[in-house]
Amino acid sequence: MNAESLDLMIIVPALLAGLLVLLTHVPLGAQVLRRGIVFIDLAIAQIAALGVIIAGAVDLDPQGWAVQGAAAMAAVLGAVLLTWTEKRWPEVQEAQIGVMFILAATAGLLLVAHNPHGGEHLQDLLAGQILWVRYQQLLLPAIGTVLICALLYRLGDRLSRLAFYLVFALAVTASVQLVGVYLVFTSLIVPALAVRHYSARRRLWLAYLVGAGGYASGLVLSTLYDLPSGALIVWCLTLLAMLVYALGPRPGAHSVVPKH
């Protein structure tokens, strides 16, 4: 495909899916950096993906509410478990998050081991199939996004650790099925890293612009050159974030101090 034949309408549903993900993940990502639990998003996203795999293993409709419920339940249980481990062994919480991630990832591999389409399904959950998202798939995530954004606006940093983990788990649940594990992590962490030294009043909208620019450019380029959309968005978003960081204030001016 070339620029003359590119139909931008093809990527509109995918771009809307990316923007929905960014609406919740940008403010959540900023909190993840402040709380010093960077890899929680990978762990919870992988646990939510495991819920989807389990639902598929028992032949639930992949587009039905039961799969959404299975993913949400898995993510919430993971969030509750991480809250407990932090209370019990706070000094090694990041290591425990890593263990949770690897257990969920390998459990998924075991569950799809005898499925002839298991490898493809696992790849879809990791890298996503954002370019093939359809408008009807956006309704439930849109409702969830509105509710989560309202909660974050009202409470923000006042969320307790358990409440934060639960909100985080629910946000990630829908996102994993829309864009995949890789883009969930990228959407959470990369924009927050790019703007961490900017003034507080500029961080949020700049992070949203970085995320939106990364999704838009990645989708256009992947359509033009027939490349995997999720992987290309990760690279476009990261390169744009590096540019914004390089053009921003030097470390120390408005840096974020992690909370302990």
Protein backbone atom coordinates (compact mmCIF):
# COMPACT_ATOMS: atom_id res chain seq x y z
CA MET A 1 0.00 0.00 0.00
CA ASN A 2 1.20 3.56 -0.69
CA ALA A 3 0.23 6.99 0.57
CA GLU A 4 -2.16 7.60 -2.34
CA SER A 5 -4.16 4.46 -1.64
CA LEU A 6 -4.24 4.78 2.15
CA ASP A 7 -7.79 4.96 3.47
CA LEU A 8 -7.53 6.67 6.84
CA MET A 9 -11.02 5.48 7.77
CA ILE A 10 -9.56 1.98 8.21
CA ILE A 11 -7.56 3.06 11.24
CA VAL A 12 -10.24 5.19 12.96
CA PRO A 13 -11.62 2.38 15.20
CA ALA A 14 -8.08 1.35 16.12
CA LEU A 15 -7.12 4.94 16.93
CA LEU A 16 -10.24 5.34 19.08
CA ALA A 17 -9.28 2.15 20.93
CA GLY A 18 -5.80 3.58 21.55
CA LEU A 19 -7.21 6.87 22.81
CA LEU A 20 -9.56 5.03 25.18
CA VAL A 21 -6.60 3.12 26.58
CA LEU A 22 -4.58 6.33 26.99
CA LEU A 23 -7.38 8.14 28.85
CA THR A 24 -6.97 5.85 31.86
CA HIS A 25 -3.43 4.61 31.42
CA VAL A 26 -1.68 8.00 31.28
CA PRO A 27 -2.81 9.13 34.78
CA LEU A 28 -2.41 5.59 36.12
CA GLY A 29 1.10 5.42 34.68
CA ALA A 30 2.06 8.63 36.46
CA GLN A 31 0.90 7.08 39.75
CA VAL A 32 2.80 3.87 39.00
CA LEU A 33 6.02 5.89 38.66
CA ARG A 34 5.34 7.84 41.85
CA ARG A 35 4.55 4.66 43.79
CA GLY A 36 7.69 2.92 42.48
CA ILE A 37 5.89 -0.20 41.20
CA VAL A 38 6.72 0.04 37.51
CA PHE A 39 6.25 -3.60 36.60
CA ILE A 40 2.84 -4.00 38.19
CA ASP A 41 1.25 -3.20 34.82
CA LEU A 42 3.01 -6.09 33.11
CA ALA A 43 2.01 -8.47 35.89
CA ILE A 44 -1.66 -7.42 36.02
CA ALA A 45 -1.90 -7.32 32.21
CA GLN A 46 -0.47 -10.82 31.98
CA ILE A 47 -2.84 -12.06 34.68
CA ALA A 48 -5.80 -10.54 32.80
CA ALA A 49 -4.55 -12.25 29.63
CA LEU A 50 -4.40 -15.52 31.58
CA GLY A 51 -8.06 -15.02 32.47
CA VAL A 52 -8.88 -14.70 28.77
CA ILE A 53 -6.91 -17.88 28.01
CA ILE A 54 -8.72 -19.78 30.76
CA ALA A 55 -12.07 -18.58 29.38
CA GLY A 56 -11.03 -19.78 25.93
CA ALA A 57 -9.98 -23.15 27.33
CA VAL A 58 -13.53 -23.75 28.57
CA ASP A 59 -15.00 -22.66 25.21
CA LEU A 60 -16.58 -19.38 26.25
CA ASP A 61 -17.56 -16.95 23.49
CA PRO A 62 -14.42 -14.83 22.88
CA GLN A 63 -16.58 -11.75 22.23
CA GLY A 64 -18.99 -12.38 25.10
CA TRP A 65 -19.34 -10.89 28.55
CA ALA A 66 -18.16 -14.11 30.19
CA VAL A 67 -14.64 -13.61 28.82
CA GLN A 68 -14.63 -10.01 30.05
CA GLY A 69 -15.71 -11.28 33.45
CA ALA A 70 -13.02 -13.96 33.52
CA ALA A 71 -10.32 -11.44 32.63
CA ALA A 72 -11.59 -8.94 35.21
CA MET A 73 -11.82 -11.60 37.93
CA ALA A 74 -8.28 -12.79 37.23
CA ALA A 75 -6.93 -9.23 37.28
CA VAL A 76 -8.76 -8.35 40.51
CA LEU A 77 -7.52 -11.51 42.23
CA GLY A 78 -4.01 -10.61 41.10
CA ALA A 79 -4.44 -7.10 42.49
CA VAL A 80 -5.67 -8.42 45.85
CA LEU A 81 -2.76 -10.87 46.02
CA LEU A 82 -0.24 -8.10 45.26
CA THR A 83 -1.77 -5.94 48.00
CA TRP A 84 -1.34 -8.79 50.46
CA THR A 85 2.26 -9.50 49.41
CA GLU A 86 3.13 -5.82 49.82
CA LYS A 87 1.79 -5.81 53.36
CA ARG A 88 3.56 -9.07 54.17
CA TRP A 89 6.90 -8.49 52.42
CA PRO A 90 7.08 -4.82 51.31
CA GLU A 91 10.85 -4.83 50.90
CA VAL A 92 10.67 -7.28 47.96
CA GLN A 93 7.42 -6.15 46.34
CA GLU A 94 8.98 -5.45 42.94
CA ALA A 95 10.49 -8.93 42.90
CA GLN A 96 7.12 -10.43 43.85
CA ILE A 97 5.47 -8.55 41.00
CA GLY A 98 8.05 -10.08 38.65
CA VAL A 99 7.31 -13.57 39.97
CA MET A 100 3.58 -13.01 39.44
CA PHE A 101 4.24 -11.94 35.88
CA ILE A 102 6.34 -14.98 35.01
CA LEU A 103 3.90 -17.39 36.66
CA ALA A 104 0.96 -15.94 34.72
CA ALA A 105 2.94 -15.98 31.47
CA THR A 106 4.05 -19.59 31.84
CA ALA A 107 0.57 -20.69 32.97
CA GLY A 108 -0.74 -19.28 29.70
CA LEU A 109 1.86 -21.24 27.75
CA LEU A 110 0.86 -24.46 29.51
CA LEU A 111 -2.85 -23.90 28.89
CA VAL A 112 -2.43 -23.39 25.13
CA ALA A 113 0.20 -26.11 24.70
CA HIS A 114 -2.23 -28.57 23.06
CA ASN A 115 -4.34 -26.00 21.25
CA PRO A 116 -3.51 -25.92 17.50
CA HIS A 117 -4.28 -22.19 17.47
CA GLY A 118 -2.82 -21.53 20.91
CA GLY A 119 0.35 -19.85 19.69
CA GLU A 120 -1.63 -17.46 17.53
CA HIS A 121 -4.01 -16.64 20.37
CA LEU A 122 -1.11 -16.02 22.74
CA GLN A 123 0.56 -13.77 20.17
CA ASP A 124 -2.66 -11.77 19.80
CA LEU A 125 -2.85 -11.22 23.57
CA LEU A 126 0.77 -10.07 23.73
CA ALA A 127 1.15 -7.95 20.60
CA GLY A 128 -2.57 -7.23 20.12
CA GLN A 129 -4.68 -6.94 17.01
CA ILE A 130 -5.50 -3.27 17.35
CA LEU A 131 -5.83 -2.66 13.60
CA TRP A 132 -8.78 -5.05 13.47
CA VAL A 133 -10.74 -3.51 16.33
CA ARG A 134 -14.35 -2.73 15.39
CA TYR A 135 -16.64 -0.02 16.74
CA GLN A 136 -18.88 -2.48 18.60
CA GLN A 137 -15.89 -3.68 20.62
CA LEU A 138 -15.40 -0.18 22.03
CA LEU A 139 -18.71 0.17 23.89
CA LEU A 140 -17.83 -1.71 27.07
CA PRO A 141 -14.29 -0.24 27.32
CA ALA A 142 -15.76 3.24 26.77
CA ILE A 143 -18.16 2.80 29.70
CA GLY A 144 -15.37 1.50 31.89
CA THR A 145 -13.10 4.36 30.84
CA VAL A 146 -15.66 7.00 31.82
CA LEU A 147 -16.16 5.42 35.25
CA ILE A 148 -12.43 5.00 35.93
CA CYS A 149 -11.60 8.53 34.75
CA ALA A 150 -14.32 9.93 37.01
CA LEU A 151 -12.91 7.99 39.96
CA LEU A 152 -9.35 9.12 39.25
CA TYR A 153 -10.51 12.73 38.89
CA ARG A 154 -12.35 12.60 42.22
CA LEU A 155 -9.76 10.73 44.26
CA GLY A 156 -6.46 10.71 42.36
CA ASP A 157 -3.53 10.29 44.75
CA ARG A 158 -5.91 9.71 47.66
CA LEU A 159 -6.63 6.16 46.51
CA SER A 160 -5.46 3.57 49.00
CA ARG A 161 -3.02 0.95 47.79
CA LEU A 162 -5.76 -1.70 47.52
CA ALA A 163 -8.14 0.70 45.77
CA PHE A 164 -5.39 1.70 43.35
CA TYR A 165 -4.59 -1.93 42.54
CA LEU A 166 -8.27 -2.72 41.96
CA VAL A 167 -8.84 0.30 39.71
CA PHE A 168 -5.64 -0.54 37.89
CA ALA A 169 -6.73 -4.15 37.40
CA LEU A 170 -10.09 -3.15 35.91
CA ALA A 171 -8.49 -0.60 33.59
CA VAL A 172 -5.96 -3.12 32.32
CA THR A 173 -8.57 -5.86 31.80
CA ALA A 174 -10.28 -4.25 28.83
CA SER A 175 -7.06 -2.76 27.48
CA VAL A 176 -5.31 -6.11 27.15
CA GLN A 177 -8.07 -7.43 24.91
CA LEU A 178 -8.08 -4.29 22.78
CA VAL A 179 -4.37 -3.60 22.30
CA GLY A 180 -2.35 -6.42 23.91
CA VAL A 181 0.10 -6.67 26.80
CA TYR A 182 2.96 -4.82 25.06
CA LEU A 183 0.90 -1.74 24.31
CA VAL A 184 -0.63 -1.74 27.78
CA PHE A 185 2.84 -1.46 29.30
CA THR A 186 3.95 1.13 26.75
CA SER A 187 0.83 3.28 27.20
CA LEU A 188 1.28 3.29 30.97
CA ILE A 189 4.98 3.87 31.36
CA VAL A 190 6.45 5.57 28.28
CA PRO A 191 4.38 8.81 28.28
CA ALA A 192 4.93 9.16 32.04
CA LEU A 193 8.69 8.76 31.58
CA ALA A 194 8.74 11.33 28.78
CA VAL A 195 7.13 14.13 30.79
CA ARG A 196 8.41 13.42 34.31
CA HIS A 197 10.63 16.54 34.41
CA TYR A 198 8.01 18.95 33.05
CA SER A 199 5.97 21.19 35.33
CA ALA A 200 2.95 19.56 36.97
CA ARG A 201 0.44 21.59 34.96
CA ARG A 202 1.97 20.43 31.65
CA ARG A 203 2.65 16.77 32.37
CA LEU A 204 -0.81 15.33 31.80
CA TRP A 205 -1.68 16.95 28.47
CA LEU A 206 1.84 16.45 27.15
CA ALA A 207 1.69 12.76 28.07
CA TYR A 208 -1.64 12.46 26.26
CA LEU A 209 -0.15 14.11 23.17
CA VAL A 210 2.83 11.73 23.22
CA GLY A 211 0.51 8.74 23.47
CA ALA A 212 -1.91 9.94 20.80
CA GLY A 213 0.93 10.82 18.43
CA GLY A 214 2.51 7.42 18.93
CA TYR A 215 -0.72 5.55 18.23
CA ALA A 216 -1.62 7.66 15.19
CA SER A 217 1.81 7.48 13.55
CA GLY A 218 2.21 3.78 14.30
CA LEU A 219 -1.18 2.92 12.82
CA VAL A 220 -0.57 4.95 9.66
CA LEU A 221 2.89 3.49 9.11
CA SER A 222 1.77 -0.07 9.82
CA THR A 223 -1.03 0.30 7.26
CA LEU A 224 1.30 1.83 4.67
CA TYR A 225 4.07 -0.74 5.02
CA ASP A 226 2.05 -3.80 6.11
CA LEU A 227 3.89 -4.17 9.41
CA PRO A 228 2.54 -5.40 12.78
CA SER A 229 0.59 -2.49 14.25
CA GLY A 230 1.21 -3.15 17.94
CA ALA A 231 4.97 -3.45 17.60
CA LEU A 232 5.22 -0.36 15.38
CA ILE A 233 3.10 1.72 17.76
CA VAL A 234 5.42 0.76 20.62
CA TRP A 235 8.40 2.06 18.63
CA CYS A 236 6.69 5.22 17.38
CA LEU A 237 5.41 6.09 20.84
CA THR A 238 8.81 5.48 22.41
CA LEU A 239 10.71 7.52 19.82
CA LEU A 240 8.25 10.40 20.20
CA ALA A 241 8.61 10.17 23.99
CA MET A 242 12.39 10.34 23.68
CA LEU A 243 12.06 13.49 21.57
CA VAL A 244 9.70 15.16 24.05
CA TYR A 245 12.01 14.25 26.92
CA ALA A 246 15.07 15.58 25.08
CA LEU A 247 13.33 18.90 24.39
CA GLY A 248 12.08 19.26 27.95
CA PRO A 249 13.56 20.75 31.11
CA ARG A 250 16.63 19.21 32.66
CA PRO A 251 16.33 16.73 35.54
CA GLY A 252 15.75 18.37 38.88
CA ALA A 253 13.52 21.23 37.75
CA HIS A 254 10.17 19.47 38.19
CA SER A 255 11.17 15.85 38.75
CA VAL A 256 8.84 13.32 40.33
CA VAL A 257 9.94 11.93 43.64
CA PRO A 258 8.70 8.34 44.10
CA LYS A 259 6.54 7.73 47.14
CA HIS A 260 7.56 5.02 49.57
